[in-house]
Amino acid sequence: MGNSKSGALSKEILEELKLNTKYTQEELCTWYQSFLKECPTGRISKEQFEGIYARFFPDANPKAYASHVFRSFDTNNDGTLDFKEYMIALHMTSSGKADQKLEWAFSLYDVDGNGTINKSEVLEIVTAIFKMINVEDQKNLQEDENTPERRTNKIWDFFGKKEKDKLTEGEFIQGIMNNKEILRLIQFEPQKVKEKLKEKKH
């Protein structure tokens, strides 16, 4: 078949991505061509990924959030994302199925990768999310969630956890399923991401 740098997407990866994302074959091939333009090596570094995020959010500081997103999708921990990891990242952060999204959200919040989440990890991700919200929008947030600390306390209370407690993946997913408010609090509004993605396509 020749190597993947020839500009054609291998059948196996194409099939897997069609199965795991909502993208059509045509869309995947288009994404792949633009991916190769940006990343001729076929791999994307954390810095490049942060650069792409920065273009999506020109009026925010997405670097910290982007680096956490990158970490959560770098499944083999080699410091780069290949096209498959990159497309799954795009799909999950913009339109993944709810249960897939929650599994991904857990890995995003499990900063040290030890299988549980503690309160300081929640604060770290929430702080990164706050850097993505422009100052004007922050002024419109409810008082009990208008700083990273307050929002973290609110999330932790919703889960019914004490200061030093830890959250397992099961508790995390169940808690969010039972309380849609938590979902709103733990994520950066994906609607804005979708709008930005649409703009990019036109």
N, C-alpha and C. Protein backbone atom coordinates (compact mmCIF):
# COMPACT_ATOMS: atom_id res chain seq x y z
N MET A 1 0.83 -1.23 0.00
CA MET A 1 0.00 0.00 0.00
C MET A 1 0.85 1.27 0.00
N GLY A 2 2.15 1.17 0.20
CA GLY A 2 2.98 2.38 0.31
C GLY A 2 2.76 3.01 1.68
N ASN A 3 3.58 3.98 2.03
CA ASN A 3 3.40 4.51 3.39
C ASN A 3 2.35 5.61 3.44
N SER A 4 1.97 5.97 4.65
CA SER A 4 0.83 6.88 4.81
C SER A 4 1.19 8.31 4.42
N LYS A 5 2.47 8.59 4.23
CA LYS A 5 2.86 9.95 3.86
C LYS A 5 2.56 10.26 2.40
N SER A 6 2.14 9.24 1.65
CA SER A 6 1.88 9.44 0.22
C SER A 6 0.67 10.35 0.00
N GLY A 7 -0.01 10.71 1.07
CA GLY A 7 -1.15 11.62 0.92
C GLY A 7 -2.48 10.89 0.86
N ALA A 8 -2.44 9.56 0.92
CA ALA A 8 -3.69 8.80 0.95
C ALA A 8 -3.86 8.20 2.33
N LEU A 9 -5.10 8.17 2.76
CA LEU A 9 -5.41 7.65 4.09
C LEU A 9 -5.58 6.13 4.01
N SER A 10 -4.93 5.40 4.90
CA SER A 10 -5.04 3.93 4.82
C SER A 10 -6.47 3.49 5.09
N LYS A 11 -6.85 2.40 4.41
CA LYS A 11 -8.22 1.87 4.52
C LYS A 11 -8.60 1.58 5.96
N GLU A 12 -7.64 0.98 6.71
CA GLU A 12 -7.93 0.58 8.11
C GLU A 12 -8.30 1.81 8.94
N ILE A 13 -7.47 2.85 8.82
CA ILE A 13 -7.72 4.06 9.62
C ILE A 13 -9.02 4.73 9.18
N LEU A 14 -9.26 4.74 7.88
CA LEU A 14 -10.48 5.32 7.35
C LEU A 14 -11.71 4.61 7.92
N GLU A 15 -11.68 3.27 7.88
CA GLU A 15 -12.81 2.48 8.39
C GLU A 15 -13.01 2.73 9.88
N GLU A 16 -11.91 2.74 10.62
CA GLU A 16 -11.99 2.93 12.07
C GLU A 16 -12.58 4.30 12.41
N LEU A 17 -12.14 5.33 11.67
CA LEU A 17 -12.64 6.68 11.94
C LEU A 17 -14.10 6.83 11.51
N LYS A 18 -14.49 6.17 10.43
CA LYS A 18 -15.90 6.23 10.02
C LYS A 18 -16.78 5.59 11.10
N LEU A 19 -16.23 4.57 11.74
CA LEU A 19 -16.96 3.85 12.79
C LEU A 19 -17.05 4.68 14.07
N ASN A 20 -15.95 5.36 14.40
CA ASN A 20 -15.84 6.03 15.71
C ASN A 20 -16.16 7.51 15.70
N THR A 21 -16.36 8.09 14.53
CA THR A 21 -16.71 9.51 14.47
C THR A 21 -17.92 9.68 13.55
N LYS A 22 -18.40 10.90 13.43
CA LYS A 22 -19.57 11.13 12.58
C LYS A 22 -19.15 11.58 11.18
N TYR A 23 -17.84 11.61 10.91
CA TYR A 23 -17.37 12.16 9.64
C TYR A 23 -17.53 11.15 8.50
N THR A 24 -17.83 11.68 7.30
CA THR A 24 -17.95 10.83 6.11
C THR A 24 -16.55 10.58 5.54
N GLN A 25 -16.47 9.63 4.61
CA GLN A 25 -15.18 9.33 3.97
C GLN A 25 -14.62 10.57 3.29
N GLU A 26 -15.50 11.29 2.62
CA GLU A 26 -15.07 12.50 1.89
C GLU A 26 -14.50 13.53 2.87
N GLU A 27 -15.22 13.75 3.98
CA GLU A 27 -14.76 14.73 4.97
C GLU A 27 -13.42 14.30 5.56
N LEU A 28 -13.30 13.01 5.87
CA LEU A 28 -12.06 12.51 6.47
C LEU A 28 -10.88 12.71 5.53
N CYS A 29 -11.10 12.46 4.24
CA CYS A 29 -10.01 12.64 3.27
C CYS A 29 -9.61 14.11 3.16
N THR A 30 -10.62 15.00 3.21
CA THR A 30 -10.33 16.44 3.17
C THR A 30 -9.54 16.87 4.40
N TRP A 31 -10.00 16.41 5.59
CA TRP A 31 -9.30 16.71 6.84
C TRP A 31 -7.85 16.21 6.76
N TYR A 32 -7.70 15.02 6.18
CA TYR A 32 -6.37 14.41 6.12
C TYR A 32 -5.41 15.24 5.27
N GLN A 33 -5.92 15.73 4.13
CA GLN A 33 -5.07 16.56 3.26
C GLN A 33 -4.62 17.82 3.99
N SER A 34 -5.56 18.46 4.70
CA SER A 34 -5.17 19.70 5.40
C SER A 34 -4.28 19.38 6.60
N PHE A 35 -4.49 18.20 7.20
CA PHE A 35 -3.63 17.76 8.31
C PHE A 35 -2.19 17.60 7.82
N LEU A 36 -2.03 16.97 6.65
CA LEU A 36 -0.68 16.76 6.10
C LEU A 36 -0.01 18.07 5.70
N LYS A 37 -0.83 19.04 5.27
CA LYS A 37 -0.26 20.36 4.94
C LYS A 37 0.34 20.99 6.19
N GLU A 38 -0.41 20.91 7.29
CA GLU A 38 0.05 21.49 8.56
C GLU A 38 1.19 20.67 9.15
N CYS A 39 1.06 19.34 9.02
CA CYS A 39 1.99 18.43 9.68
C CYS A 39 2.51 17.39 8.68
N PRO A 40 3.49 17.79 7.86
CA PRO A 40 3.97 16.89 6.81
C PRO A 40 4.50 15.56 7.34
N THR A 41 4.88 15.53 8.61
CA THR A 41 5.40 14.28 9.18
C THR A 41 4.27 13.29 9.48
N GLY A 42 3.02 13.79 9.43
CA GLY A 42 1.91 12.91 9.78
C GLY A 42 1.63 12.85 11.27
N ARG A 43 2.35 13.68 12.02
CA ARG A 43 2.12 13.74 13.47
C ARG A 43 2.05 15.19 13.90
N ILE A 44 1.28 15.45 14.93
CA ILE A 44 1.11 16.83 15.39
C ILE A 44 1.67 16.94 16.80
N SER A 45 2.48 17.96 17.03
CA SER A 45 3.09 18.14 18.36
C SER A 45 2.12 18.92 19.25
N LYS A 46 2.43 18.93 20.54
CA LYS A 46 1.59 19.67 21.50
C LYS A 46 1.55 21.15 21.12
N GLU A 47 2.71 21.69 20.70
CA GLU A 47 2.77 23.12 20.34
C GLU A 47 1.89 23.41 19.13
N GLN A 48 1.93 22.51 18.14
CA GLN A 48 1.08 22.70 16.95
C GLN A 48 -0.39 22.62 17.32
N PHE A 49 -0.71 21.68 18.19
CA PHE A 49 -2.09 21.50 18.63
C PHE A 49 -2.57 22.76 19.34
N GLU A 50 -1.70 23.30 20.21
CA GLU A 50 -2.05 24.54 20.92
C GLU A 50 -2.26 25.68 19.93
N GLY A 51 -1.45 25.68 18.86
CA GLY A 51 -1.57 26.71 17.83
C GLY A 51 -2.92 26.64 17.11
N ILE A 52 -3.37 25.42 16.84
CA ILE A 52 -4.67 25.22 16.19
C ILE A 52 -5.79 25.71 17.11
N TYR A 53 -5.69 25.37 18.38
CA TYR A 53 -6.69 25.83 19.36
C TYR A 53 -6.70 27.35 19.43
N ALA A 54 -5.51 27.94 19.39
CA ALA A 54 -5.41 29.41 19.49
C ALA A 54 -6.13 30.07 18.32
N ARG A 55 -6.11 29.42 17.15
CA ARG A 55 -6.82 29.99 16.00
C ARG A 55 -8.34 29.89 16.17
N PHE A 56 -8.78 28.82 16.83
CA PHE A 56 -10.21 28.68 17.10
C PHE A 56 -10.69 29.74 18.09
N PHE A 57 -9.82 30.12 19.01
CA PHE A 57 -10.22 31.05 20.09
C PHE A 57 -9.28 32.25 20.13
N PRO A 58 -9.38 33.12 19.11
CA PRO A 58 -8.43 34.24 19.03
C PRO A 58 -8.56 35.22 20.19
N ASP A 59 -9.76 35.27 20.82
CA ASP A 59 -9.94 36.26 21.89
C ASP A 59 -9.81 35.63 23.27
N ALA A 60 -9.14 34.48 23.35
CA ALA A 60 -8.98 33.80 24.65
C ALA A 60 -7.55 33.30 24.78
N ASN A 61 -7.26 32.69 25.92
CA ASN A 61 -5.94 32.11 26.12
C ASN A 61 -6.10 30.60 26.32
N PRO A 62 -6.14 29.85 25.21
CA PRO A 62 -6.50 28.44 25.32
C PRO A 62 -5.33 27.50 25.58
N LYS A 63 -4.13 28.06 25.80
CA LYS A 63 -2.94 27.19 25.84
C LYS A 63 -3.04 26.10 26.92
N ALA A 64 -3.42 26.49 28.13
CA ALA A 64 -3.47 25.51 29.23
C ALA A 64 -4.52 24.44 28.94
N TYR A 65 -5.69 24.87 28.46
CA TYR A 65 -6.76 23.91 28.17
C TYR A 65 -6.33 22.98 27.03
N ALA A 66 -5.76 23.57 25.99
CA ALA A 66 -5.32 22.77 24.83
C ALA A 66 -4.30 21.73 25.24
N SER A 67 -3.41 22.08 26.16
CA SER A 67 -2.39 21.10 26.56
C SER A 67 -3.02 19.94 27.32
N HIS A 68 -4.08 20.21 28.09
CA HIS A 68 -4.79 19.12 28.78
C HIS A 68 -5.57 18.25 27.79
N VAL A 69 -6.19 18.91 26.81
CA VAL A 69 -6.92 18.16 25.79
C VAL A 69 -5.93 17.26 25.04
N PHE A 70 -4.78 17.84 24.70
CA PHE A 70 -3.74 17.07 23.99
C PHE A 70 -3.34 15.84 24.80
N ARG A 71 -3.05 16.07 26.08
CA ARG A 71 -2.64 14.96 26.96
C ARG A 71 -3.69 13.85 26.98
N SER A 72 -4.96 14.25 27.03
CA SER A 72 -6.01 13.24 27.16
C SER A 72 -6.18 12.40 25.89
N PHE A 73 -5.70 12.90 24.76
CA PHE A 73 -5.82 12.13 23.51
C PHE A 73 -4.52 11.48 23.06
N ASP A 74 -3.42 11.85 23.70
CA ASP A 74 -2.14 11.23 23.35
C ASP A 74 -2.09 9.87 24.04
N THR A 75 -2.83 8.93 23.48
CA THR A 75 -3.07 7.67 24.19
C THR A 75 -1.80 6.84 24.40
N ASN A 76 -0.82 7.00 23.50
CA ASN A 76 0.41 6.21 23.71
C ASN A 76 1.53 7.04 24.35
N ASN A 77 1.16 8.25 24.82
CA ASN A 77 2.11 9.11 25.55
C ASN A 77 3.43 9.35 24.81
N ASP A 78 3.36 9.54 23.49
CA ASP A 78 4.62 9.78 22.78
C ASP A 78 4.83 11.26 22.47
N GLY A 79 3.96 12.12 23.03
CA GLY A 79 4.15 13.56 22.85
C GLY A 79 3.66 14.09 21.51
N THR A 80 3.05 13.21 20.70
CA THR A 80 2.46 13.67 19.44
C THR A 80 1.11 12.98 19.25
N LEU A 81 0.29 13.56 18.38
CA LEU A 81 -0.96 12.91 17.99
C LEU A 81 -0.83 12.54 16.52
N ASP A 82 -1.20 11.32 16.17
CA ASP A 82 -1.27 11.00 14.75
C ASP A 82 -2.67 11.41 14.25
N PHE A 83 -2.92 11.20 12.97
CA PHE A 83 -4.17 11.68 12.39
C PHE A 83 -5.38 11.07 13.09
N LYS A 84 -5.28 9.79 13.40
CA LYS A 84 -6.41 9.10 14.05
C LYS A 84 -6.71 9.72 15.42
N GLU A 85 -5.66 9.89 16.23
CA GLU A 85 -5.85 10.48 17.57
C GLU A 85 -6.42 11.91 17.44
N TYR A 86 -5.92 12.62 16.44
CA TYR A 86 -6.33 14.01 16.22
C TYR A 86 -7.81 14.09 15.83
N MET A 87 -8.25 13.21 14.92
CA MET A 87 -9.65 13.24 14.48
C MET A 87 -10.59 12.82 15.60
N ILE A 88 -10.16 11.85 16.39
CA ILE A 88 -11.01 11.42 17.51
C ILE A 88 -11.11 12.57 18.51
N ALA A 89 -10.01 13.31 18.69
CA ALA A 89 -10.04 14.49 19.57
C ALA A 89 -11.05 15.52 19.06
N LEU A 90 -10.99 15.80 17.76
CA LEU A 90 -11.92 16.78 17.18
C LEU A 90 -13.36 16.33 17.36
N HIS A 91 -13.60 15.06 17.07
CA HIS A 91 -14.95 14.51 17.15
C HIS A 91 -15.49 14.56 18.58
N MET A 92 -14.66 14.09 19.51
CA MET A 92 -15.11 14.00 20.90
C MET A 92 -15.38 15.37 21.50
N THR A 93 -14.54 16.34 21.17
CA THR A 93 -14.71 17.65 21.80
C THR A 93 -15.83 18.44 21.15
N SER A 94 -16.28 18.04 19.95
CA SER A 94 -17.34 18.82 19.33
C SER A 94 -18.67 18.07 19.22
N SER A 95 -18.63 16.75 19.02
CA SER A 95 -19.92 16.09 18.77
C SER A 95 -19.97 14.62 19.16
N GLY A 96 -19.10 14.21 20.06
CA GLY A 96 -19.10 12.80 20.45
C GLY A 96 -20.38 12.39 21.16
N LYS A 97 -20.64 11.09 21.21
CA LYS A 97 -21.80 10.59 21.96
C LYS A 97 -21.61 10.91 23.44
N ALA A 98 -22.72 11.07 24.15
CA ALA A 98 -22.65 11.48 25.55
C ALA A 98 -21.75 10.56 26.37
N ASP A 99 -21.91 9.22 26.25
CA ASP A 99 -21.13 8.33 27.11
C ASP A 99 -19.64 8.38 26.75
N GLN A 100 -19.33 8.50 25.45
CA GLN A 100 -17.93 8.63 25.03
C GLN A 100 -17.35 9.92 25.58
N LYS A 101 -18.17 10.97 25.48
CA LYS A 101 -17.71 12.29 25.93
C LYS A 101 -17.38 12.29 27.41
N LEU A 102 -18.21 11.58 28.18
CA LEU A 102 -17.99 11.55 29.63
C LEU A 102 -16.73 10.76 29.97
N GLU A 103 -16.50 9.69 29.23
CA GLU A 103 -15.25 8.94 29.45
C GLU A 103 -14.06 9.83 29.12
N TRP A 104 -14.19 10.59 28.02
CA TRP A 104 -13.10 11.50 27.67
C TRP A 104 -12.94 12.59 28.74
N ALA A 105 -14.08 13.14 29.20
CA ALA A 105 -14.01 14.20 30.21
C ALA A 105 -13.29 13.70 31.45
N PHE A 106 -13.54 12.43 31.81
CA PHE A 106 -12.86 11.86 32.97
C PHE A 106 -11.35 11.86 32.74
N SER A 107 -10.92 11.43 31.56
CA SER A 107 -9.47 11.39 31.31
C SER A 107 -8.88 12.80 31.24
N LEU A 108 -9.70 13.77 30.84
CA LEU A 108 -9.24 15.17 30.82
C LEU A 108 -8.98 15.65 32.26
N TYR A 109 -9.92 15.33 33.15
CA TYR A 109 -9.80 15.78 34.54
C TYR A 109 -8.83 14.94 35.38
N ASP A 110 -8.57 13.71 34.93
CA ASP A 110 -7.61 12.87 35.66
C ASP A 110 -6.20 13.26 35.21
N VAL A 111 -5.74 14.41 35.72
CA VAL A 111 -4.51 15.03 35.22
C VAL A 111 -3.30 14.11 35.35
N ASP A 112 -3.18 13.41 36.49
CA ASP A 112 -1.98 12.57 36.67
C ASP A 112 -2.18 11.14 36.16
N GLY A 113 -3.37 10.86 35.61
CA GLY A 113 -3.60 9.56 34.99
C GLY A 113 -3.63 8.39 35.95
N ASN A 114 -3.97 8.64 37.24
CA ASN A 114 -3.94 7.54 38.21
C ASN A 114 -5.29 6.84 38.39
N GLY A 115 -6.29 7.23 37.56
CA GLY A 115 -7.58 6.53 37.61
C GLY A 115 -8.60 7.14 38.56
N THR A 116 -8.21 8.17 39.30
CA THR A 116 -9.19 8.90 40.12
C THR A 116 -8.95 10.41 39.96
N ILE A 117 -9.96 11.19 40.33
CA ILE A 117 -9.86 12.65 40.25
C ILE A 117 -9.94 13.22 41.66
N ASN A 118 -9.03 14.13 41.99
CA ASN A 118 -9.16 14.83 43.27
C ASN A 118 -9.53 16.29 43.01
N LYS A 119 -9.80 17.00 44.09
CA LYS A 119 -10.32 18.36 43.94
C LYS A 119 -9.31 19.29 43.26
N SER A 120 -8.02 19.10 43.52
CA SER A 120 -7.04 20.00 42.92
C SER A 120 -6.94 19.79 41.41
N GLU A 121 -7.23 18.55 40.96
CA GLU A 121 -7.25 18.30 39.51
C GLU A 121 -8.43 19.02 38.86
N VAL A 122 -9.57 18.99 39.55
CA VAL A 122 -10.75 19.72 39.03
C VAL A 122 -10.41 21.20 38.92
N LEU A 123 -9.77 21.73 39.96
CA LEU A 123 -9.41 23.16 39.95
C LEU A 123 -8.46 23.48 38.79
N GLU A 124 -7.53 22.58 38.53
CA GLU A 124 -6.56 22.81 37.45
C GLU A 124 -7.25 22.93 36.09
N ILE A 125 -8.20 22.02 35.83
CA ILE A 125 -8.90 22.07 34.53
C ILE A 125 -9.86 23.25 34.48
N VAL A 126 -10.58 23.49 35.57
CA VAL A 126 -11.53 24.61 35.60
C VAL A 126 -10.78 25.94 35.40
N THR A 127 -9.60 26.05 35.99
CA THR A 127 -8.78 27.26 35.81
C THR A 127 -8.41 27.43 34.33
N ALA A 128 -8.06 26.31 33.69
CA ALA A 128 -7.73 26.35 32.25
C ALA A 128 -8.95 26.76 31.43
N ILE A 129 -10.13 26.29 31.84
CA ILE A 129 -11.37 26.65 31.13
C ILE A 129 -11.64 28.15 31.29
N PHE A 130 -11.39 28.68 32.48
CA PHE A 130 -11.64 30.11 32.72
C PHE A 130 -10.79 30.99 31.82
N LYS A 131 -9.60 30.51 31.47
CA LYS A 131 -8.74 31.30 30.57
C LYS A 131 -9.33 31.36 29.17
N MET A 132 -10.29 30.46 28.88
CA MET A 132 -10.93 30.44 27.57
C MET A 132 -12.16 31.35 27.53
N ILE A 133 -12.65 31.74 28.70
CA ILE A 133 -13.87 32.55 28.76
C ILE A 133 -13.45 34.02 28.80
N ASN A 134 -13.93 34.81 27.85
CA ASN A 134 -13.46 36.20 27.88
C ASN A 134 -14.05 36.95 29.07
N VAL A 135 -13.38 38.02 29.43
CA VAL A 135 -13.68 38.73 30.68
C VAL A 135 -15.12 39.21 30.73
N GLU A 136 -15.63 39.67 29.59
CA GLU A 136 -17.03 40.14 29.55
C GLU A 136 -18.00 39.02 29.90
N ASP A 137 -17.76 37.83 29.32
CA ASP A 137 -18.64 36.69 29.61
C ASP A 137 -18.53 36.25 31.06
N GLN A 138 -17.32 36.39 31.63
CA GLN A 138 -17.14 36.00 33.03
C GLN A 138 -18.01 36.85 33.95
N LYS A 139 -18.21 38.11 33.57
CA LYS A 139 -19.03 39.00 34.40
C LYS A 139 -20.47 38.52 34.49
N ASN A 140 -20.91 37.76 33.49
CA ASN A 140 -22.30 37.30 33.47
C ASN A 140 -22.51 35.97 34.18
N LEU A 141 -21.44 35.39 34.72
CA LEU A 141 -21.58 34.10 35.39
C LEU A 141 -22.24 34.28 36.76
N GLN A 142 -22.96 33.24 37.19
CA GLN A 142 -23.58 33.30 38.53
C GLN A 142 -22.49 33.48 39.58
N GLU A 143 -22.87 34.12 40.68
CA GLU A 143 -21.87 34.47 41.69
C GLU A 143 -21.18 33.24 42.29
N ASP A 144 -21.91 32.12 42.42
CA ASP A 144 -21.28 30.96 43.06
C ASP A 144 -20.45 30.13 42.08
N GLU A 145 -20.25 30.67 40.85
CA GLU A 145 -19.39 29.93 39.91
C GLU A 145 -18.58 30.88 39.04
N ASN A 146 -18.35 32.12 39.55
CA ASN A 146 -17.68 33.11 38.71
C ASN A 146 -16.17 33.20 38.91
N THR A 147 -15.61 32.27 39.70
CA THR A 147 -14.15 32.12 39.76
C THR A 147 -13.86 30.62 39.68
N PRO A 148 -12.63 30.25 39.28
CA PRO A 148 -12.31 28.82 39.21
C PRO A 148 -12.53 28.11 40.56
N GLU A 149 -12.18 28.80 41.65
CA GLU A 149 -12.32 28.18 42.99
C GLU A 149 -13.80 27.94 43.32
N ARG A 150 -14.63 28.95 43.06
CA ARG A 150 -16.06 28.82 43.38
C ARG A 150 -16.70 27.73 42.53
N ARG A 151 -16.33 27.71 41.24
CA ARG A 151 -16.91 26.70 40.35
C ARG A 151 -16.46 25.30 40.79
N THR A 152 -15.20 25.17 41.18
CA THR A 152 -14.69 23.87 41.64
C THR A 152 -15.43 23.43 42.90
N ASN A 153 -15.63 24.34 43.84
CA ASN A 153 -16.38 24.00 45.06
C ASN A 153 -17.79 23.54 44.73
N LYS A 154 -18.41 24.22 43.77
CA LYS A 154 -19.78 23.89 43.38
C LYS A 154 -19.83 22.47 42.78
N ILE A 155 -18.86 22.19 41.90
CA ILE A 155 -18.79 20.85 41.27
C ILE A 155 -18.59 19.79 42.35
N TRP A 156 -17.64 20.05 43.25
CA TRP A 156 -17.30 19.07 44.29
C TRP A 156 -18.49 18.81 45.21
N ASP A 157 -19.23 19.88 45.51
CA ASP A 157 -20.44 19.74 46.35
C ASP A 157 -21.50 18.92 45.63
N PHE A 158 -21.66 19.18 44.33
CA PHE A 158 -22.64 18.42 43.55
C PHE A 158 -22.32 16.92 43.61
N PHE A 159 -21.05 16.59 43.60
CA PHE A 159 -20.66 15.17 43.68
C PHE A 159 -20.77 14.63 45.12
N GLY A 160 -21.04 15.54 46.06
CA GLY A 160 -21.18 15.13 47.45
C GLY A 160 -19.86 14.69 48.07
N LYS A 161 -18.78 15.32 47.61
CA LYS A 161 -17.45 14.92 48.08
C LYS A 161 -16.89 15.89 49.11
N LYS A 162 -16.10 15.32 50.05
CA LYS A 162 -15.38 16.16 51.01
C LYS A 162 -14.05 16.58 50.39
N GLU A 163 -13.43 17.57 51.03
CA GLU A 163 -12.19 18.17 50.51
C GLU A 163 -11.17 17.15 49.99
N LYS A 164 -10.87 16.12 50.80
CA LYS A 164 -9.78 15.19 50.46
C LYS A 164 -10.26 13.93 49.71
N ASP A 165 -11.57 13.87 49.41
CA ASP A 165 -12.11 12.69 48.72
C ASP A 165 -11.59 12.60 47.29
N LYS A 166 -11.78 11.42 46.70
CA LYS A 166 -11.43 11.22 45.30
C LYS A 166 -12.67 10.71 44.55
N LEU A 167 -12.68 10.95 43.25
CA LEU A 167 -13.78 10.51 42.38
C LEU A 167 -13.29 9.41 41.46
N THR A 168 -14.01 8.30 41.40
CA THR A 168 -13.68 7.26 40.42
C THR A 168 -14.41 7.59 39.11
N GLU A 169 -14.03 6.90 38.04
CA GLU A 169 -14.67 7.16 36.75
C GLU A 169 -16.17 6.86 36.83
N GLY A 170 -16.53 5.77 37.49
CA GLY A 170 -17.94 5.41 37.63
C GLY A 170 -18.74 6.49 38.34
N GLU A 171 -18.19 6.99 39.45
CA GLU A 171 -18.87 8.05 40.21
C GLU A 171 -18.99 9.32 39.38
N PHE A 172 -17.93 9.62 38.66
CA PHE A 172 -17.88 10.82 37.82
C PHE A 172 -19.01 10.77 36.77
N ILE A 173 -19.07 9.66 36.04
CA ILE A 173 -20.06 9.52 34.96
C ILE A 173 -21.48 9.48 35.53
N GLN A 174 -21.67 8.70 36.61
CA GLN A 174 -22.99 8.59 37.24
C GLN A 174 -23.46 9.95 37.76
N GLY A 175 -22.54 10.66 38.42
CA GLY A 175 -22.88 11.98 38.97
C GLY A 175 -23.36 12.94 37.90
N ILE A 176 -22.69 12.91 36.75
CA ILE A 176 -23.07 13.82 35.65
C ILE A 176 -24.39 13.38 35.02
N MET A 177 -24.57 12.06 34.90
CA MET A 177 -25.84 11.55 34.34
C MET A 177 -27.01 11.98 35.23
N ASN A 178 -26.76 12.01 36.56
CA ASN A 178 -27.83 12.35 37.50
C ASN A 178 -28.05 13.85 37.63
N ASN A 179 -27.07 14.63 37.19
CA ASN A 179 -27.15 16.07 37.41
C ASN A 179 -26.55 16.84 36.23
N LYS A 180 -27.42 17.29 35.34
CA LYS A 180 -26.95 17.99 34.13
C LYS A 180 -26.19 19.28 34.46
N GLU A 181 -26.45 19.84 35.64
CA GLU A 181 -25.73 21.06 36.05
C GLU A 181 -24.23 20.81 36.09
N ILE A 182 -23.83 19.60 36.54
CA ILE A 182 -22.39 19.30 36.63
C ILE A 182 -21.78 19.37 35.23
N LEU A 183 -22.49 18.79 34.25
CA LEU A 183 -21.98 18.78 32.88
C LEU A 183 -21.72 20.20 32.40
N ARG A 184 -22.66 21.09 32.69
CA ARG A 184 -22.50 22.49 32.28
C ARG A 184 -21.26 23.10 32.94
N LEU A 185 -21.03 22.74 34.20
CA LEU A 185 -19.93 23.34 34.95
C LEU A 185 -18.55 22.79 34.57
N ILE A 186 -18.51 21.52 34.14
CA ILE A 186 -17.18 20.94 33.90
C ILE A 186 -16.68 21.18 32.48
N GLN A 187 -17.56 21.68 31.59
CA GLN A 187 -17.08 21.82 30.23
C GLN A 187 -17.03 23.26 29.77
N PHE A 188 -16.14 23.48 28.81
CA PHE A 188 -16.14 24.76 28.12
C PHE A 188 -17.23 24.66 27.08
N GLU A 189 -18.09 25.67 26.97
CA GLU A 189 -19.27 25.58 26.11
C GLU A 189 -18.92 25.07 24.71
N PRO A 190 -19.28 23.80 24.41
CA PRO A 190 -18.88 23.27 23.11
C PRO A 190 -19.61 23.91 21.94
N GLN A 191 -20.75 24.57 22.23
CA GLN A 191 -21.49 25.22 21.15
C GLN A 191 -20.60 26.22 20.42
N LYS A 192 -19.79 26.93 21.18
CA LYS A 192 -18.91 27.93 20.57
C LYS A 192 -17.88 27.25 19.68
N VAL A 193 -17.44 26.09 20.11
CA VAL A 193 -16.46 25.33 19.32
C VAL A 193 -17.10 24.93 18.00
N LYS A 194 -18.34 24.44 18.07
CA LYS A 194 -19.04 24.02 16.86
C LYS A 194 -19.17 25.19 15.88
N GLU A 195 -19.53 26.36 16.42
CA GLU A 195 -19.69 27.53 15.54
C GLU A 195 -18.36 27.87 14.87
N LYS A 196 -17.29 27.79 15.64
CA LYS A 196 -15.96 28.09 15.09
C LYS A 196 -15.59 27.08 14.01
N LEU A 197 -15.92 25.80 14.26
CA LEU A 197 -15.60 24.75 13.27
C LEU A 197 -16.37 25.01 11.98
N LYS A 198 -17.64 25.43 12.13
CA LYS A 198 -18.46 25.73 10.94
C LYS A 198 -17.84 26.87 10.14
N GLU A 199 -17.42 27.92 10.87
CA GLU A 199 -16.81 29.07 10.19
C GLU A 199 -15.59 28.65 9.40
N LYS A 200 -14.81 27.75 9.99
CA LYS A 200 -13.58 27.30 9.32
C LYS A 200 -13.89 26.62 7.98
N LYS A 201 -15.03 25.92 7.96
CA LYS A 201 -15.33 25.13 6.75
C LYS A 201 -15.80 26.02 5.61
N HIS A 202 -16.45 27.15 5.95
CA HIS A 202 -16.99 27.99 4.86
C HIS A 202 -15.91 28.88 4.26
